[in-house]
């Protein structure tokens, strides 16, 4: 387990990427969401491993990228904050295929024992070319992720809907305690 690797997970459009940018601005090492990077690469190459075309293929690519991210992050000093990561991708693969992926990957590759979740936040939710699903699908995904992290024994801290600075302060304070 790497207590240095901290996961930000939760609802699509819940403010994870904005929070990650704030943590980066404060000098912390960060890792961008694997799923967004997979989508960008697939769209640029005309590939089909996109969540709205081939969720299983997308999840497999996100898992591979998340594993590479973990390996690369090992050389970074201090805490490293991940916008989603391996557990989110494994949960997506399990959801898409029914094949057990969460337990084997989640047990072999641990993160900090506290996972920070951004809850559904309809006032800031928006679709874009990489997030085509609606708010109801985002809420369902949030429930699956909350369940996945609980099943793996993580302690969940649900971040309130507040300013990004207040969220970052709350997260960093929780890690100090």
N, C-alpha and C. Protein backbone atom coordinates (compact mmCIF):
# COMPACT_ATOMS: atom_id res chain seq x y z
N UNK A 1 0.85 -1.18 0.00
CA UNK A 1 0.00 0.00 0.00
C UNK A 1 0.88 1.23 0.00
N UNK A 2 0.42 2.25 -0.69
CA UNK A 2 1.14 3.51 -0.66
C UNK A 2 0.25 4.58 -0.02
N UNK A 3 0.56 4.91 1.22
CA UNK A 3 -0.18 5.98 1.89
C UNK A 3 0.08 7.33 1.22
N UNK A 4 1.09 7.40 0.38
CA UNK A 4 1.39 8.65 -0.33
C UNK A 4 0.43 8.90 -1.48
N UNK A 5 -0.22 7.86 -1.97
CA UNK A 5 -1.10 7.97 -3.14
C UNK A 5 -2.53 8.20 -2.66
N UNK A 6 -3.06 9.38 -2.93
CA UNK A 6 -4.38 9.79 -2.44
C UNK A 6 -5.35 9.89 -3.62
N UNK A 7 -6.50 9.24 -3.47
CA UNK A 7 -7.50 9.21 -4.53
C UNK A 7 -8.58 10.25 -4.30
N UNK A 8 -8.89 10.99 -5.38
CA UNK A 8 -10.09 11.82 -5.46
C UNK A 8 -11.03 11.08 -6.41
N UNK A 9 -12.17 10.68 -5.92
CA UNK A 9 -13.13 9.96 -6.75
C UNK A 9 -14.50 10.58 -6.54
N UNK A 10 -15.51 9.93 -7.10
CA UNK A 10 -16.86 10.41 -6.88
C UNK A 10 -17.61 10.65 -8.17
N UNK A 11 -18.54 11.55 -8.09
CA UNK A 11 -19.46 11.79 -9.19
C UNK A 11 -18.79 12.54 -10.33
N UNK A 12 -19.06 12.10 -11.54
CA UNK A 12 -18.65 12.86 -12.72
C UNK A 12 -19.22 14.27 -12.59
N UNK A 13 -18.40 15.26 -12.90
CA UNK A 13 -18.88 16.63 -12.82
C UNK A 13 -19.04 17.14 -11.41
N UNK A 14 -18.41 16.46 -10.43
CA UNK A 14 -18.53 16.87 -9.04
C UNK A 14 -17.42 17.79 -8.54
N UNK A 15 -16.48 18.14 -9.42
CA UNK A 15 -15.43 19.07 -9.05
C UNK A 15 -14.07 18.46 -8.77
N UNK A 16 -13.87 17.19 -9.13
CA UNK A 16 -12.58 16.53 -8.88
C UNK A 16 -11.43 17.21 -9.61
N UNK A 17 -11.59 17.45 -10.88
CA UNK A 17 -10.50 18.03 -11.67
C UNK A 17 -10.16 19.45 -11.20
N UNK A 18 -11.16 20.21 -10.81
CA UNK A 18 -10.94 21.55 -10.28
C UNK A 18 -10.17 21.47 -8.97
N UNK A 19 -10.54 20.52 -8.11
CA UNK A 19 -9.83 20.32 -6.85
C UNK A 19 -8.39 19.87 -7.11
N UNK A 20 -8.19 18.99 -8.06
CA UNK A 20 -6.84 18.53 -8.40
C UNK A 20 -5.99 19.72 -8.85
N UNK A 21 -6.56 20.59 -9.67
CA UNK A 21 -5.82 21.77 -10.13
C UNK A 21 -5.43 22.66 -8.95
N UNK A 22 -6.31 22.79 -7.96
CA UNK A 22 -6.00 23.60 -6.77
C UNK A 22 -4.87 22.96 -5.97
N UNK A 23 -4.89 21.64 -5.84
CA UNK A 23 -3.81 20.96 -5.12
C UNK A 23 -2.48 21.12 -5.86
N UNK A 24 -2.53 21.05 -7.19
CA UNK A 24 -1.33 21.26 -8.01
C UNK A 24 -0.82 22.70 -7.82
N UNK A 25 -1.75 23.67 -7.82
CA UNK A 25 -1.37 25.06 -7.63
C UNK A 25 -0.68 25.26 -6.29
N UNK A 26 -1.06 24.47 -5.30
CA UNK A 26 -0.46 24.56 -3.96
C UNK A 26 0.85 23.77 -3.86
N UNK A 27 1.30 23.22 -4.95
CA UNK A 27 2.62 22.57 -4.97
C UNK A 27 2.63 21.06 -4.82
N UNK A 28 1.46 20.44 -4.82
CA UNK A 28 1.40 18.98 -4.67
C UNK A 28 1.51 18.29 -6.02
N UNK A 29 2.06 17.10 -6.01
CA UNK A 29 2.12 16.28 -7.21
C UNK A 29 0.72 15.74 -7.51
N UNK A 30 0.33 15.77 -8.77
CA UNK A 30 -1.01 15.32 -9.16
C UNK A 30 -0.93 14.45 -10.41
N UNK A 31 -1.96 13.62 -10.57
CA UNK A 31 -2.08 12.76 -11.75
C UNK A 31 -3.49 12.95 -12.31
N UNK A 32 -3.55 13.33 -13.58
CA UNK A 32 -4.83 13.57 -14.25
C UNK A 32 -5.62 12.28 -14.40
N UNK A 33 -6.91 12.42 -14.54
CA UNK A 33 -7.83 11.28 -14.68
C UNK A 33 -7.47 10.41 -15.89
N UNK A 34 -7.27 9.09 -15.67
CA UNK A 34 -6.96 8.21 -16.80
C UNK A 34 -8.06 8.19 -17.86
N UNK A 35 -9.31 8.17 -17.44
CA UNK A 35 -10.42 8.08 -18.39
C UNK A 35 -10.44 9.23 -19.39
N UNK A 36 -10.23 10.43 -18.90
CA UNK A 36 -10.22 11.59 -19.81
C UNK A 36 -9.07 11.49 -20.80
N UNK A 37 -7.93 10.98 -20.35
CA UNK A 37 -6.78 10.83 -21.25
C UNK A 37 -7.02 9.73 -22.28
N UNK A 38 -7.68 8.65 -21.87
CA UNK A 38 -8.04 7.59 -22.82
C UNK A 38 -8.99 8.14 -23.87
N UNK A 39 -10.00 8.87 -23.44
CA UNK A 39 -10.97 9.45 -24.38
C UNK A 39 -10.26 10.38 -25.37
N UNK A 40 -9.38 11.24 -24.88
CA UNK A 40 -8.67 12.16 -25.77
C UNK A 40 -7.85 11.40 -26.81
N UNK A 41 -7.15 10.36 -26.37
CA UNK A 41 -6.33 9.57 -27.30
C UNK A 41 -7.20 8.84 -28.32
N UNK A 42 -8.30 8.27 -27.86
CA UNK A 42 -9.19 7.53 -28.76
C UNK A 42 -9.85 8.47 -29.77
N UNK A 43 -10.28 9.64 -29.31
CA UNK A 43 -10.89 10.59 -30.23
C UNK A 43 -9.87 11.10 -31.25
N UNK A 44 -8.63 11.31 -30.83
CA UNK A 44 -7.59 11.80 -31.74
C UNK A 44 -7.22 10.76 -32.79
N UNK A 45 -7.30 9.47 -32.40
CA UNK A 45 -6.88 8.40 -33.33
C UNK A 45 -8.04 7.74 -34.06
N UNK A 46 -9.26 8.16 -33.74
CA UNK A 46 -10.42 7.51 -34.35
C UNK A 46 -10.72 6.15 -33.74
N UNK A 47 -10.22 5.91 -32.53
CA UNK A 47 -10.41 4.63 -31.85
C UNK A 47 -11.82 4.48 -31.31
N UNK A 48 -12.13 3.28 -30.86
CA UNK A 48 -13.48 2.99 -30.37
C UNK A 48 -13.53 2.66 -28.88
N UNK A 49 -12.41 2.73 -28.16
CA UNK A 49 -12.41 2.43 -26.72
C UNK A 49 -12.92 3.65 -25.97
N UNK A 50 -14.16 3.98 -26.24
CA UNK A 50 -14.84 5.13 -25.63
C UNK A 50 -15.98 4.61 -24.77
N UNK A 51 -16.25 5.23 -23.64
CA UNK A 51 -17.26 4.68 -22.74
C UNK A 51 -18.65 4.56 -23.36
N UNK A 52 -18.98 5.38 -24.32
CA UNK A 52 -20.30 5.32 -24.95
C UNK A 52 -20.33 4.35 -26.13
N UNK A 53 -19.17 3.82 -26.54
CA UNK A 53 -19.12 2.83 -27.62
C UNK A 53 -18.70 1.45 -27.13
N UNK A 54 -17.68 1.41 -26.29
CA UNK A 54 -17.10 0.15 -25.82
C UNK A 54 -16.60 0.36 -24.40
N UNK A 55 -17.52 0.27 -23.43
CA UNK A 55 -17.16 0.55 -22.04
C UNK A 55 -16.08 -0.40 -21.54
N UNK A 56 -16.15 -1.66 -21.91
CA UNK A 56 -15.14 -2.63 -21.46
C UNK A 56 -13.77 -2.28 -22.03
N UNK A 57 -13.70 -1.96 -23.31
CA UNK A 57 -12.43 -1.57 -23.92
C UNK A 57 -11.87 -0.31 -23.30
N UNK A 58 -12.75 0.65 -23.06
CA UNK A 58 -12.36 1.90 -22.40
C UNK A 58 -11.80 1.60 -21.01
N UNK A 59 -12.49 0.77 -20.23
CA UNK A 59 -12.06 0.46 -18.86
C UNK A 59 -10.71 -0.26 -18.87
N UNK A 60 -10.52 -1.17 -19.81
CA UNK A 60 -9.23 -1.87 -19.90
C UNK A 60 -8.09 -0.88 -20.19
N UNK A 61 -8.33 0.04 -21.09
CA UNK A 61 -7.30 1.06 -21.39
C UNK A 61 -7.05 1.94 -20.16
N UNK A 62 -8.12 2.30 -19.44
CA UNK A 62 -7.96 3.13 -18.25
C UNK A 62 -7.20 2.38 -17.15
N UNK A 63 -7.44 1.09 -17.02
CA UNK A 63 -6.70 0.27 -16.05
C UNK A 63 -5.21 0.28 -16.39
N UNK A 64 -4.88 0.04 -17.66
CA UNK A 64 -3.48 0.03 -18.07
C UNK A 64 -2.82 1.38 -17.79
N UNK A 65 -3.51 2.46 -18.08
CA UNK A 65 -2.97 3.79 -17.85
C UNK A 65 -2.82 4.07 -16.35
N UNK A 66 -3.80 3.64 -15.56
CA UNK A 66 -3.74 3.85 -14.11
C UNK A 66 -2.57 3.08 -13.49
N UNK A 67 -2.31 1.87 -13.98
CA UNK A 67 -1.15 1.11 -13.49
C UNK A 67 0.16 1.81 -13.86
N UNK A 68 0.23 2.34 -15.06
CA UNK A 68 1.42 3.09 -15.49
C UNK A 68 1.58 4.36 -14.65
N UNK A 69 0.46 5.02 -14.35
CA UNK A 69 0.50 6.22 -13.52
C UNK A 69 1.07 5.91 -12.14
N UNK A 70 0.63 4.80 -11.55
CA UNK A 70 1.12 4.41 -10.22
C UNK A 70 2.63 4.17 -10.27
N UNK A 71 3.08 3.47 -11.30
CA UNK A 71 4.52 3.19 -11.42
C UNK A 71 5.31 4.49 -11.56
N UNK A 72 4.82 5.41 -12.38
CA UNK A 72 5.51 6.68 -12.58
C UNK A 72 5.48 7.53 -11.31
N UNK A 73 4.39 7.48 -10.57
CA UNK A 73 4.24 8.30 -9.36
C UNK A 73 5.16 7.85 -8.24
N UNK A 74 5.65 6.63 -8.30
CA UNK A 74 6.53 6.13 -7.25
C UNK A 74 7.79 6.99 -7.12
N UNK A 75 8.20 7.63 -8.19
CA UNK A 75 9.42 8.45 -8.14
C UNK A 75 9.15 9.89 -7.70
N UNK A 76 7.89 10.25 -7.55
CA UNK A 76 7.55 11.61 -7.13
C UNK A 76 7.68 11.74 -5.61
N UNK A 77 8.14 12.89 -5.12
CA UNK A 77 8.25 13.07 -3.67
C UNK A 77 6.90 13.41 -3.04
N UNK A 78 6.75 13.06 -1.79
CA UNK A 78 5.57 13.45 -1.03
C UNK A 78 4.29 12.77 -1.49
N UNK A 79 3.18 13.36 -1.07
CA UNK A 79 1.88 12.82 -1.46
C UNK A 79 1.63 13.09 -2.93
N UNK A 80 0.94 12.14 -3.56
CA UNK A 80 0.55 12.29 -4.95
C UNK A 80 -0.97 12.14 -4.99
N UNK A 81 -1.64 13.12 -5.59
CA UNK A 81 -3.10 13.13 -5.66
C UNK A 81 -3.54 12.68 -7.05
N UNK A 82 -4.40 11.68 -7.07
CA UNK A 82 -4.90 11.08 -8.31
C UNK A 82 -6.35 11.48 -8.53
N UNK A 83 -6.66 11.99 -9.71
CA UNK A 83 -8.04 12.23 -10.13
C UNK A 83 -8.53 10.89 -10.67
N UNK A 84 -9.31 10.21 -9.88
CA UNK A 84 -9.72 8.84 -10.16
C UNK A 84 -8.47 7.96 -10.20
N UNK A 85 -8.59 6.78 -10.76
CA UNK A 85 -7.43 5.90 -10.80
C UNK A 85 -7.85 4.47 -11.05
N UNK A 86 -7.04 3.56 -10.56
CA UNK A 86 -7.19 2.14 -10.83
C UNK A 86 -8.53 1.58 -10.34
N UNK A 87 -8.94 1.94 -9.15
CA UNK A 87 -10.17 1.39 -8.57
C UNK A 87 -11.38 1.82 -9.40
N UNK A 88 -11.42 3.07 -9.81
CA UNK A 88 -12.52 3.56 -10.63
C UNK A 88 -12.59 2.79 -11.95
N UNK A 89 -11.42 2.57 -12.57
CA UNK A 89 -11.39 1.85 -13.85
C UNK A 89 -11.78 0.39 -13.66
N UNK A 90 -11.32 -0.24 -12.59
CA UNK A 90 -11.69 -1.64 -12.32
C UNK A 90 -13.18 -1.77 -12.05
N UNK A 91 -13.74 -0.80 -11.33
CA UNK A 91 -15.19 -0.82 -11.08
C UNK A 91 -15.96 -0.67 -12.39
N UNK A 92 -15.46 0.14 -13.31
CA UNK A 92 -16.12 0.29 -14.61
C UNK A 92 -16.05 -0.99 -15.42
N UNK A 93 -14.90 -1.66 -15.39
CA UNK A 93 -14.78 -2.92 -16.12
C UNK A 93 -15.71 -3.98 -15.54
N UNK A 94 -15.76 -4.06 -14.23
CA UNK A 94 -16.65 -5.02 -13.58
C UNK A 94 -18.10 -4.72 -13.92
N UNK A 95 -18.47 -3.45 -13.93
CA UNK A 95 -19.83 -3.04 -14.28
C UNK A 95 -20.15 -3.41 -15.74
N UNK A 96 -19.19 -3.20 -16.63
CA UNK A 96 -19.41 -3.45 -18.06
C UNK A 96 -19.48 -4.92 -18.40
N UNK A 97 -18.70 -5.74 -17.70
CA UNK A 97 -18.56 -7.15 -18.11
C UNK A 97 -19.07 -8.16 -17.10
N UNK A 98 -19.19 -7.76 -15.85
CA UNK A 98 -19.53 -8.71 -14.80
C UNK A 98 -18.34 -9.54 -14.36
N UNK A 99 -17.20 -9.36 -15.00
CA UNK A 99 -15.98 -10.09 -14.66
C UNK A 99 -15.36 -9.47 -13.42
N UNK A 100 -15.03 -10.27 -12.41
CA UNK A 100 -14.40 -9.71 -11.22
C UNK A 100 -13.07 -9.04 -11.56
N UNK A 101 -12.99 -7.76 -11.35
CA UNK A 101 -11.76 -7.01 -11.59
C UNK A 101 -11.42 -6.18 -10.36
N UNK A 102 -12.43 -5.77 -9.64
CA UNK A 102 -12.24 -4.86 -8.52
C UNK A 102 -11.41 -5.48 -7.42
N UNK A 103 -11.78 -6.64 -6.94
CA UNK A 103 -11.07 -7.25 -5.82
C UNK A 103 -9.62 -7.57 -6.15
N UNK A 104 -9.34 -8.26 -7.27
CA UNK A 104 -7.92 -8.58 -7.51
C UNK A 104 -7.04 -7.34 -7.69
N UNK A 105 -7.50 -6.37 -8.47
CA UNK A 105 -6.70 -5.16 -8.68
C UNK A 105 -6.69 -4.28 -7.43
N UNK A 106 -7.85 -4.16 -6.81
CA UNK A 106 -7.96 -3.30 -5.64
C UNK A 106 -7.19 -3.78 -4.44
N UNK A 107 -7.05 -5.08 -4.30
CA UNK A 107 -6.27 -5.63 -3.17
C UNK A 107 -4.77 -5.56 -3.46
N UNK A 108 -4.38 -5.73 -4.70
CA UNK A 108 -2.96 -5.73 -5.06
C UNK A 108 -2.35 -4.34 -5.10
N UNK A 109 -3.17 -3.33 -5.36
CA UNK A 109 -2.67 -1.97 -5.55
C UNK A 109 -3.46 -1.01 -4.66
N UNK A 110 -2.99 -0.84 -3.44
CA UNK A 110 -3.69 -0.01 -2.46
C UNK A 110 -3.26 1.45 -2.55
N UNK A 111 -4.16 2.31 -2.11
CA UNK A 111 -3.93 3.75 -2.02
C UNK A 111 -4.01 4.14 -0.55
N UNK A 112 -3.92 5.43 -0.28
CA UNK A 112 -4.11 5.95 1.07
C UNK A 112 -5.43 5.40 1.60
N UNK A 113 -5.51 5.07 2.90
CA UNK A 113 -6.74 4.47 3.43
C UNK A 113 -7.98 5.36 3.38
N UNK A 114 -7.79 6.68 3.23
CA UNK A 114 -8.93 7.58 3.09
C UNK A 114 -9.06 7.98 1.63
N UNK A 115 -10.25 7.78 1.10
CA UNK A 115 -10.58 8.20 -0.27
C UNK A 115 -11.52 9.39 -0.16
N UNK A 116 -11.25 10.41 -0.95
CA UNK A 116 -12.05 11.64 -0.92
C UNK A 116 -13.03 11.61 -2.09
N UNK A 117 -14.33 11.65 -1.76
CA UNK A 117 -15.38 11.58 -2.77
C UNK A 117 -16.05 12.93 -2.97
N UNK A 118 -16.25 13.28 -4.24
CA UNK A 118 -17.06 14.45 -4.56
C UNK A 118 -18.46 13.94 -4.87
N UNK A 119 -19.46 14.39 -4.13
CA UNK A 119 -20.81 13.89 -4.32
C UNK A 119 -21.48 14.52 -5.55
N UNK A 120 -22.61 13.96 -5.95
CA UNK A 120 -23.37 14.59 -7.05
C UNK A 120 -23.65 16.06 -6.72
N UNK A 121 -23.44 16.90 -7.72
CA UNK A 121 -23.61 18.34 -7.54
C UNK A 121 -24.27 18.87 -8.80
N UNK A 122 -25.62 18.83 -8.86
CA UNK A 122 -26.32 19.18 -10.10
C UNK A 122 -26.05 20.60 -10.58
N UNK A 123 -25.77 21.51 -9.66
CA UNK A 123 -25.57 22.91 -10.06
C UNK A 123 -24.29 23.12 -10.88
N UNK A 124 -23.32 22.24 -10.74
CA UNK A 124 -22.08 22.42 -11.52
C UNK A 124 -21.91 21.34 -12.60
N UNK A 125 -22.80 20.33 -12.61
CA UNK A 125 -22.66 19.25 -13.58
C UNK A 125 -22.89 19.78 -15.01
N UNK A 126 -22.02 19.35 -15.91
CA UNK A 126 -22.17 19.72 -17.33
C UNK A 126 -21.61 18.60 -18.19
N UNK A 127 -22.22 18.40 -19.33
CA UNK A 127 -21.66 17.46 -20.29
C UNK A 127 -20.65 18.20 -21.15
N UNK A 128 -19.81 17.44 -21.83
CA UNK A 128 -18.85 17.99 -22.77
C UNK A 128 -18.49 16.87 -23.74
N UNK A 129 -17.61 17.09 -24.70
CA UNK A 129 -17.30 16.03 -25.67
C UNK A 129 -16.73 14.75 -25.05
N UNK A 130 -16.16 14.84 -23.86
CA UNK A 130 -15.63 13.64 -23.19
C UNK A 130 -16.57 13.11 -22.11
N UNK A 131 -17.60 13.88 -21.75
CA UNK A 131 -18.58 13.46 -20.75
C UNK A 131 -19.95 13.60 -21.38
N UNK A 132 -20.36 12.55 -22.04
CA UNK A 132 -21.62 12.60 -22.78
C UNK A 132 -22.82 12.10 -21.98
N UNK A 133 -22.57 11.42 -20.88
CA UNK A 133 -23.67 10.87 -20.10
C UNK A 133 -24.36 11.96 -19.28
N UNK A 134 -25.61 11.70 -18.98
CA UNK A 134 -26.40 12.65 -18.22
C UNK A 134 -26.15 12.55 -16.72
N UNK A 135 -26.78 13.44 -15.99
CA UNK A 135 -26.59 13.50 -14.54
C UNK A 135 -27.06 12.23 -13.85
N UNK A 136 -28.15 11.63 -14.31
CA UNK A 136 -28.64 10.39 -13.68
C UNK A 136 -27.60 9.27 -13.78
N UNK A 137 -26.93 9.17 -14.93
CA UNK A 137 -25.86 8.16 -15.10
C UNK A 137 -24.68 8.47 -14.18
N UNK A 138 -24.39 9.75 -14.01
CA UNK A 138 -23.29 10.15 -13.11
C UNK A 138 -23.61 9.78 -11.67
N UNK A 139 -24.86 9.96 -11.26
CA UNK A 139 -25.27 9.60 -9.90
C UNK A 139 -25.19 8.08 -9.70
N UNK A 140 -25.59 7.31 -10.70
CA UNK A 140 -25.49 5.85 -10.61
C UNK A 140 -24.03 5.42 -10.52
N UNK A 141 -23.17 6.06 -11.29
CA UNK A 141 -21.74 5.76 -11.22
C UNK A 141 -21.20 6.08 -9.82
N UNK A 142 -21.60 7.18 -9.27
CA UNK A 142 -21.17 7.58 -7.92
C UNK A 142 -21.54 6.48 -6.91
N UNK A 143 -22.75 5.97 -6.99
CA UNK A 143 -23.18 4.92 -6.06
C UNK A 143 -22.32 3.66 -6.22
N UNK A 144 -22.00 3.30 -7.47
CA UNK A 144 -21.13 2.12 -7.70
C UNK A 144 -19.74 2.35 -7.12
N UNK A 145 -19.20 3.56 -7.29
CA UNK A 145 -17.86 3.83 -6.78
C UNK A 145 -17.84 3.87 -5.25
N UNK A 146 -18.84 4.48 -4.66
CA UNK A 146 -18.93 4.51 -3.21
C UNK A 146 -18.95 3.08 -2.66
N UNK A 147 -19.74 2.22 -3.29
CA UNK A 147 -19.82 0.82 -2.89
C UNK A 147 -18.48 0.11 -3.11
N UNK A 148 -17.84 0.35 -4.24
CA UNK A 148 -16.56 -0.30 -4.56
C UNK A 148 -15.50 0.04 -3.51
N UNK A 149 -15.36 1.30 -3.19
CA UNK A 149 -14.34 1.69 -2.21
C UNK A 149 -14.67 1.14 -0.83
N UNK A 150 -15.93 1.10 -0.46
CA UNK A 150 -16.31 0.51 0.84
C UNK A 150 -15.97 -0.98 0.86
N UNK A 151 -16.29 -1.69 -0.23
CA UNK A 151 -16.00 -3.13 -0.28
C UNK A 151 -14.51 -3.41 -0.16
N UNK A 152 -13.69 -2.49 -0.60
CA UNK A 152 -12.23 -2.66 -0.50
C UNK A 152 -11.67 -2.17 0.83
N UNK A 153 -12.54 -1.71 1.72
CA UNK A 153 -12.11 -1.34 3.06
C UNK A 153 -11.56 0.07 3.22
N UNK A 154 -11.81 0.93 2.26
CA UNK A 154 -11.35 2.32 2.38
C UNK A 154 -12.29 3.11 3.28
N UNK A 155 -11.73 4.11 3.94
CA UNK A 155 -12.52 5.07 4.71
C UNK A 155 -12.89 6.19 3.73
N UNK A 156 -14.15 6.54 3.68
CA UNK A 156 -14.61 7.55 2.72
C UNK A 156 -14.86 8.88 3.41
N UNK A 157 -14.33 9.93 2.83
CA UNK A 157 -14.62 11.26 3.28
C UNK A 157 -15.31 11.97 2.12
N UNK A 158 -16.58 12.26 2.32
CA UNK A 158 -17.37 12.93 1.27
C UNK A 158 -17.17 14.43 1.44
N UNK A 159 -16.64 15.04 0.40
CA UNK A 159 -16.33 16.47 0.46
C UNK A 159 -17.60 17.29 0.26
N UNK A 160 -17.85 18.25 1.14
CA UNK A 160 -19.04 19.08 0.99
C UNK A 160 -18.98 19.92 -0.29
N UNK A 161 -20.14 20.35 -0.71
CA UNK A 161 -20.24 21.28 -1.85
C UNK A 161 -19.90 22.67 -1.33
N UNK A 162 -18.64 23.03 -1.55
CA UNK A 162 -18.14 24.32 -1.08
C UNK A 162 -17.07 24.78 -2.05
N UNK A 163 -16.49 25.91 -1.81
CA UNK A 163 -15.47 26.45 -2.72
C UNK A 163 -14.32 25.47 -2.87
N UNK A 164 -13.62 25.59 -3.98
CA UNK A 164 -12.49 24.69 -4.22
C UNK A 164 -11.41 24.91 -3.16
N UNK A 165 -11.18 26.14 -2.74
CA UNK A 165 -10.18 26.40 -1.70
C UNK A 165 -10.57 25.72 -0.39
N UNK A 166 -11.84 25.81 -0.02
CA UNK A 166 -12.32 25.18 1.21
C UNK A 166 -12.22 23.66 1.11
N UNK A 167 -12.53 23.10 -0.06
CA UNK A 167 -12.39 21.65 -0.25
C UNK A 167 -10.94 21.22 -0.10
N UNK A 168 -10.03 21.97 -0.72
CA UNK A 168 -8.61 21.62 -0.62
C UNK A 168 -8.13 21.72 0.82
N UNK A 169 -8.55 22.76 1.53
CA UNK A 169 -8.17 22.90 2.94
C UNK A 169 -8.69 21.72 3.75
N UNK A 170 -9.93 21.34 3.53
CA UNK A 170 -10.56 20.22 4.26
C UNK A 170 -9.81 18.91 3.99
N UNK A 171 -9.51 18.67 2.72
CA UNK A 171 -8.81 17.44 2.34
C UNK A 171 -7.43 17.39 2.98
N UNK A 172 -6.68 18.46 2.87
CA UNK A 172 -5.32 18.48 3.44
C UNK A 172 -5.35 18.37 4.96
N UNK A 173 -6.32 18.99 5.60
CA UNK A 173 -6.45 18.88 7.06
C UNK A 173 -6.76 17.44 7.46
N UNK A 174 -7.62 16.77 6.71
CA UNK A 174 -7.97 15.38 7.01
C UNK A 174 -6.75 14.47 6.90
N UNK A 175 -5.87 14.78 5.98
CA UNK A 175 -4.66 13.96 5.82
C UNK A 175 -3.65 14.21 6.95
N UNK A 176 -3.72 15.37 7.58
CA UNK A 176 -2.82 15.68 8.69
C UNK A 176 -3.27 15.01 9.97
N UNK A 177 -4.59 14.75 10.08
CA UNK A 177 -5.16 14.22 11.32
C UNK A 177 -5.06 12.80 11.45
